[in-house]
N, C-alpha and C. Protein backbone atom coordinates (compact mmCIF):
# COMPACT_ATOMS: atom_id res chain seq x y z
N MET A 1 11.72 -71.01 21.29
CA MET A 1 10.91 -72.11 21.92
C MET A 1 10.98 -73.42 21.89
N LYS A 2 10.96 -74.32 22.98
CA LYS A 2 11.84 -75.69 22.65
C LYS A 2 10.61 -76.45 21.96
N LEU A 3 10.59 -77.71 21.69
CA LEU A 3 9.90 -78.28 20.73
C LEU A 3 8.44 -78.76 21.92
N LEU A 4 9.23 -78.95 23.08
CA LEU A 4 8.33 -79.16 24.39
C LEU A 4 7.35 -78.10 24.59
N ASP A 5 7.75 -76.84 24.59
CA ASP A 5 6.68 -75.61 24.71
C ASP A 5 5.55 -75.68 24.07
N TYR A 6 5.83 -76.00 22.60
CA TYR A 6 4.86 -76.32 21.69
C TYR A 6 3.85 -77.53 21.95
N ILE A 7 4.29 -78.47 22.26
CA ILE A 7 3.61 -79.29 22.20
C ILE A 7 2.49 -79.00 23.43
N VAL A 8 3.16 -78.54 24.53
CA VAL A 8 2.33 -78.40 25.56
C VAL A 8 1.33 -77.00 25.04
N ILE A 9 1.57 -76.36 24.68
CA ILE A 9 0.93 -75.43 24.27
C ILE A 9 -0.37 -75.61 23.38
N LEU A 10 0.07 -76.51 22.27
CA LEU A 10 -1.17 -77.15 21.43
C LEU A 10 -2.06 -77.79 21.86
N THR A 11 -1.55 -78.90 23.00
CA THR A 11 -2.09 -79.76 23.73
C THR A 11 -3.21 -78.77 24.65
N LEU A 12 -2.87 -78.24 25.07
CA LEU A 12 -3.50 -77.17 26.40
C LEU A 12 -4.84 -76.51 24.99
N SER A 13 -4.60 -76.13 23.86
CA SER A 13 -4.96 -75.35 23.37
C SER A 13 -6.20 -76.23 22.58
N LEU A 14 -5.82 -77.98 21.98
CA LEU A 14 -7.12 -78.86 21.89
C LEU A 14 -7.69 -79.00 23.03
N LEU A 15 -7.53 -79.03 24.08
CA LEU A 15 -7.95 -79.72 25.24
C LEU A 15 -8.94 -78.35 25.63
N LEU A 16 -8.49 -77.02 25.39
CA LEU A 16 -9.39 -75.85 25.37
C LEU A 16 -10.86 -76.38 24.41
N PHE A 17 -10.05 -75.99 23.31
CA PHE A 17 -11.33 -76.41 22.17
C PHE A 17 -11.89 -77.62 22.05
N THR A 18 -11.60 -78.93 22.96
CA THR A 18 -12.29 -79.84 23.05
C THR A 18 -13.59 -79.75 23.80
N ALA A 19 -13.46 -79.13 25.36
CA ALA A 19 -14.04 -78.96 26.04
C ALA A 19 -15.22 -77.57 25.77
N GLN A 20 -15.01 -76.62 24.79
CA GLN A 20 -15.78 -75.79 24.08
C GLN A 20 -16.84 -76.84 23.31
N ALA A 21 -16.18 -77.42 22.60
CA ALA A 21 -17.08 -78.13 21.56
C ALA A 21 -18.28 -79.05 22.30
N LEU A 22 -17.66 -79.62 23.29
CA LEU A 22 -18.33 -80.41 24.33
C LEU A 22 -19.44 -79.75 24.70
N ALA A 23 -19.22 -78.80 25.12
CA ALA A 23 -20.41 -77.76 26.19
C ALA A 23 -21.86 -77.73 25.61
N ILE A 24 -22.78 -78.03 26.27
CA ILE A 24 -23.48 -78.00 25.59
C ILE A 24 -24.43 -76.31 26.05
N SER A 25 -25.12 -75.68 24.80
CA SER A 25 -25.81 -74.82 25.47
C SER A 25 -27.40 -74.21 25.81
N LEU A 26 -27.71 -73.56 26.39
CA LEU A 26 -29.16 -73.60 27.13
C LEU A 26 -30.28 -73.82 25.77
N ASP A 27 -29.99 -73.22 24.55
CA ASP A 27 -31.18 -73.87 23.57
C ASP A 27 -30.97 -75.35 23.32
N GLN A 28 -29.65 -75.66 23.36
CA GLN A 28 -29.41 -77.41 23.24
C GLN A 28 -30.12 -78.33 24.01
N ALA A 29 -29.72 -77.57 25.18
CA ALA A 29 -30.22 -78.52 26.99
C ALA A 29 -31.96 -78.43 26.76
N LYS A 30 -32.59 -77.38 26.53
CA LYS A 30 -34.08 -77.00 26.31
C LYS A 30 -34.62 -77.88 25.39
N ALA A 31 -34.00 -78.11 24.47
CA ALA A 31 -34.69 -78.45 23.09
C ALA A 31 -34.65 -80.05 23.29
N ALA A 32 -33.28 -80.58 24.26
CA ALA A 32 -33.44 -82.15 24.24
C ALA A 32 -34.15 -82.37 25.60
N GLY A 33 -34.60 -81.47 26.21
CA GLY A 33 -35.82 -81.64 27.37
C GLY A 33 -34.87 -82.01 28.53
N GLN A 34 -33.83 -81.54 28.66
CA GLN A 34 -32.96 -81.66 29.58
C GLN A 34 -32.89 -80.52 30.75
N VAL A 35 -33.17 -79.70 30.67
CA VAL A 35 -33.44 -78.31 31.53
C VAL A 35 -34.87 -77.52 31.08
N GLY A 36 -35.53 -76.91 31.94
CA GLY A 36 -36.88 -76.70 31.98
C GLY A 36 -36.85 -75.17 33.02
N GLU A 37 -37.87 -74.51 32.48
CA GLU A 37 -37.90 -73.05 33.22
C GLU A 37 -38.68 -73.39 34.26
N THR A 38 -38.93 -73.07 35.26
CA THR A 38 -39.47 -72.71 36.73
C THR A 38 -40.60 -71.36 37.16
N PRO A 39 -41.33 -71.83 38.42
CA PRO A 39 -42.23 -70.17 38.62
C PRO A 39 -41.01 -69.45 39.18
N SER A 40 -39.81 -70.26 39.66
CA SER A 40 -39.11 -69.49 40.46
C SER A 40 -38.42 -68.72 39.62
N GLY A 41 -38.04 -68.65 38.60
CA GLY A 41 -37.33 -67.69 37.90
C GLY A 41 -36.28 -68.59 36.96
N TYR A 42 -35.95 -69.42 37.75
CA TYR A 42 -34.37 -70.34 37.49
C TYR A 42 -34.71 -71.38 36.44
N LEU A 43 -33.68 -71.95 36.07
CA LEU A 43 -33.42 -73.50 35.26
C LEU A 43 -33.47 -74.23 36.48
N GLU A 44 -33.87 -75.56 36.49
CA GLU A 44 -33.41 -76.89 36.66
C GLU A 44 -33.79 -77.82 35.70
N SER A 45 -33.14 -78.67 36.41
CA SER A 45 -32.53 -80.12 35.30
C SER A 45 -34.07 -80.82 35.31
N VAL A 46 -34.42 -81.45 34.02
CA VAL A 46 -35.88 -82.27 34.21
C VAL A 46 -35.56 -83.54 34.51
N SER A 47 -34.53 -84.04 34.44
CA SER A 47 -33.79 -85.28 35.25
C SER A 47 -33.20 -85.61 36.32
N ALA A 48 -33.60 -86.57 37.07
CA ALA A 48 -33.24 -86.38 38.45
C ALA A 48 -31.85 -86.60 38.56
N SER A 49 -30.83 -87.41 37.29
CA SER A 49 -29.56 -87.55 37.30
C SER A 49 -28.86 -86.85 36.31
N PRO A 50 -29.01 -85.45 36.15
CA PRO A 50 -28.57 -84.77 34.67
C PRO A 50 -26.73 -84.88 34.78
N ALA A 51 -26.49 -84.36 33.46
CA ALA A 51 -25.21 -84.89 32.85
C ALA A 51 -24.29 -83.73 34.15
N ALA A 52 -22.89 -83.81 33.75
CA ALA A 52 -22.09 -82.77 34.48
C ALA A 52 -22.17 -81.65 33.72
N ASP A 53 -22.26 -81.62 32.24
CA ASP A 53 -22.28 -79.93 31.76
C ASP A 53 -23.69 -79.69 31.39
N THR A 54 -24.69 -79.91 31.77
CA THR A 54 -26.19 -79.57 32.16
C THR A 54 -26.02 -79.00 33.42
N VAL A 55 -25.62 -79.38 34.70
CA VAL A 55 -25.78 -79.16 35.97
C VAL A 55 -24.75 -77.81 35.98
N ALA A 56 -23.47 -77.77 34.99
CA ALA A 56 -22.67 -76.23 35.19
C ALA A 56 -23.45 -75.48 34.59
N LEU A 57 -24.32 -75.99 33.15
CA LEU A 57 -24.93 -74.87 32.28
C LEU A 57 -25.59 -74.15 33.54
N ILE A 58 -26.82 -74.81 34.28
CA ILE A 58 -27.57 -74.57 34.94
C ILE A 58 -27.29 -73.71 36.08
N GLN A 59 -26.24 -73.86 36.68
CA GLN A 59 -25.84 -73.24 37.68
C GLN A 59 -25.13 -72.02 37.28
N ASP A 60 -24.58 -71.92 35.96
CA ASP A 60 -24.10 -70.57 35.72
C ASP A 60 -25.29 -69.69 34.99
N ILE A 61 -26.07 -70.54 34.19
CA ILE A 61 -27.04 -69.25 33.98
C ILE A 61 -27.94 -68.81 35.09
N ASN A 62 -28.14 -69.36 35.82
CA ASN A 62 -29.08 -69.21 37.09
C ASN A 62 -27.89 -68.24 38.21
N SER A 63 -26.63 -68.25 38.27
CA SER A 63 -25.90 -67.12 39.24
C SER A 63 -26.33 -65.72 38.25
N LYS A 64 -25.93 -65.80 37.05
CA LYS A 64 -26.20 -65.01 35.87
C LYS A 64 -27.59 -64.37 36.13
N ARG A 65 -28.64 -64.91 36.39
CA ARG A 65 -30.19 -64.38 36.39
C ARG A 65 -30.16 -64.05 37.28
N LYS A 66 -29.49 -64.50 38.76
CA LYS A 66 -30.02 -63.96 40.26
C LYS A 66 -28.93 -62.37 40.36
N ALA A 67 -28.39 -62.38 39.39
CA ALA A 67 -27.50 -61.13 39.68
C ALA A 67 -28.22 -59.96 38.74
N GLU A 68 -28.90 -60.47 37.96
CA GLU A 68 -29.86 -59.40 37.18
C GLU A 68 -31.09 -59.42 37.94
N TYR A 69 -31.62 -60.17 38.42
CA TYR A 69 -32.85 -60.07 39.42
C TYR A 69 -32.38 -59.59 40.11
N GLU A 70 -31.34 -59.40 40.93
CA GLU A 70 -30.92 -58.34 42.28
C GLU A 70 -31.04 -57.22 41.65
N ARG A 71 -29.98 -56.85 40.66
CA ARG A 71 -30.23 -55.54 39.95
C ARG A 71 -31.37 -55.01 39.83
N ILE A 72 -32.01 -55.67 39.37
CA ILE A 72 -33.43 -54.65 39.21
C ILE A 72 -34.44 -54.72 40.28
N ALA A 73 -34.41 -55.78 41.09
CA ALA A 73 -35.03 -55.49 42.59
C ALA A 73 -34.44 -54.16 43.05
N GLN A 74 -33.32 -53.98 42.94
CA GLN A 74 -32.36 -52.65 43.72
C GLN A 74 -33.07 -51.42 43.02
N LYS A 75 -33.18 -51.49 41.65
CA LYS A 75 -33.08 -50.11 40.63
C LYS A 75 -34.72 -50.25 40.95
N ASN A 76 -35.73 -51.08 41.24
CA ASN A 76 -37.11 -50.73 41.34
C ASN A 76 -37.95 -50.90 42.80
N GLY A 77 -36.81 -50.91 43.96
CA GLY A 77 -37.01 -50.91 45.28
C GLY A 77 -38.25 -52.12 45.55
N THR A 78 -37.98 -53.18 44.90
CA THR A 78 -39.02 -54.44 45.28
C THR A 78 -38.10 -55.43 45.73
N SER A 79 -38.63 -56.12 46.14
CA SER A 79 -37.90 -57.17 46.42
C SER A 79 -37.69 -58.62 45.73
N LEU A 80 -36.32 -59.41 45.80
CA LEU A 80 -35.92 -60.26 44.99
C LEU A 80 -36.90 -61.19 44.63
N MET A 81 -37.52 -61.61 45.47
CA MET A 81 -39.00 -62.65 45.32
C MET A 81 -39.78 -62.25 44.38
N ALA A 82 -39.88 -60.86 44.31
CA ALA A 82 -41.32 -60.49 43.52
C ALA A 82 -40.74 -60.31 41.69
N VAL A 83 -39.36 -60.20 41.81
CA VAL A 83 -38.74 -60.27 40.59
C VAL A 83 -38.43 -61.94 40.16
N GLU A 84 -37.91 -62.51 40.58
CA GLU A 84 -37.93 -63.98 40.47
C GLU A 84 -39.47 -64.06 39.75
N ALA A 85 -40.66 -64.14 40.72
CA ALA A 85 -41.61 -64.82 40.67
C ALA A 85 -42.30 -63.84 38.84
N LEU A 86 -41.99 -63.00 38.97
CA LEU A 86 -42.48 -62.45 37.52
C LEU A 86 -41.43 -62.83 36.20
N ALA A 87 -40.15 -62.95 36.35
CA ALA A 87 -39.45 -63.73 35.74
C ALA A 87 -39.81 -64.94 35.20
N GLY A 88 -40.46 -65.69 36.52
CA GLY A 88 -40.54 -66.81 36.28
C GLY A 88 -41.66 -67.01 35.41
N LYS A 89 -42.73 -66.50 35.37
CA LYS A 89 -43.94 -66.25 35.12
C LYS A 89 -43.90 -66.00 33.48
N LYS A 90 -43.01 -64.82 33.14
CA LYS A 90 -42.99 -64.51 31.69
C LYS A 90 -41.73 -65.47 31.17
N ALA A 91 -40.88 -66.55 32.05
CA ALA A 91 -40.00 -67.52 31.02
C ALA A 91 -41.13 -68.53 30.45
N ILE A 92 -42.00 -69.20 31.97
CA ILE A 92 -43.08 -70.13 31.30
C ILE A 92 -43.56 -69.52 30.42
N ASN A 93 -44.34 -68.53 30.56
CA ASN A 93 -45.11 -67.89 28.94
C ASN A 93 -44.48 -68.12 27.78
N ASN A 94 -43.16 -67.78 27.88
CA ASN A 94 -42.27 -67.49 26.74
C ASN A 94 -41.60 -68.85 25.93
N THR A 95 -42.01 -70.00 27.16
CA THR A 95 -41.16 -71.24 26.16
C THR A 95 -42.12 -71.99 25.53
N PRO A 96 -41.51 -72.07 24.34
CA PRO A 96 -42.03 -72.75 22.86
C PRO A 96 -42.74 -74.47 23.29
N LEU A 97 -43.42 -74.48 22.52
CA LEU A 97 -43.73 -75.59 22.53
C LEU A 97 -43.15 -76.98 22.61
N GLY A 98 -43.28 -78.10 23.22
CA GLY A 98 -42.40 -79.26 23.28
C GLY A 98 -41.00 -79.14 24.33
N GLN A 99 -41.35 -77.68 24.93
CA GLN A 99 -40.00 -77.76 25.96
C GLN A 99 -40.74 -77.64 27.11
N PHE A 100 -39.82 -78.30 28.51
CA PHE A 100 -40.76 -78.41 29.43
C PHE A 100 -40.52 -77.11 30.77
N VAL A 101 -42.04 -77.09 31.42
CA VAL A 101 -41.62 -76.03 32.34
C VAL A 101 -41.90 -76.88 33.62
N LYS A 102 -41.79 -76.29 34.42
CA LYS A 102 -42.61 -76.77 35.96
C LYS A 102 -43.87 -75.96 36.33
N VAL A 103 -44.70 -77.08 36.28
CA VAL A 103 -45.99 -76.25 37.27
C VAL A 103 -47.00 -77.09 38.35
N GLY A 104 -46.89 -76.30 39.08
CA GLY A 104 -47.26 -77.23 40.22
C GLY A 104 -46.32 -78.26 41.05
N GLY A 105 -45.14 -77.85 40.56
CA GLY A 105 -43.98 -79.07 41.25
C GLY A 105 -43.73 -80.13 40.36
N SER A 106 -44.23 -80.01 39.34
CA SER A 106 -44.28 -81.49 38.10
C SER A 106 -43.88 -80.90 37.31
N TRP A 107 -43.01 -81.72 36.34
CA TRP A 107 -42.46 -81.17 34.27
C TRP A 107 -43.79 -81.45 33.64
N GLU A 108 -44.04 -80.57 32.95
CA GLU A 108 -44.95 -80.48 32.00
C GLU A 108 -44.29 -80.15 30.61
N LYS A 109 -44.30 -80.88 29.58
CA LYS A 109 -43.82 -80.30 28.43
C LYS A 109 -45.16 -79.80 27.57
N LYS A 110 -44.87 -78.74 27.32
CA LYS A 110 -45.63 -77.52 26.49
C LYS A 110 -46.36 -77.65 25.10
């Protein structure tokens, strides 16, 4: 390999590592009050103008949740809305003190 190839590989590796290091985890986002649980069974940003990594996190987790809710609904012969509502209720009930949940359309800190 040529020197340029090594430099390109090294640069790409560093960029990948940096992106992963800067990405926020769900636990971190919840603890920081950036993300909260909703009765719909999905996450939402507590802030009206969330950071890009928070938006990406919410979208990623919500798409995975929806796929799982659809699987559960199909397996149990029930509606997606019923599974989402039950999941939302459980998520809110299991949210630790100090984190945000949406109740009646407003954010509340448990």
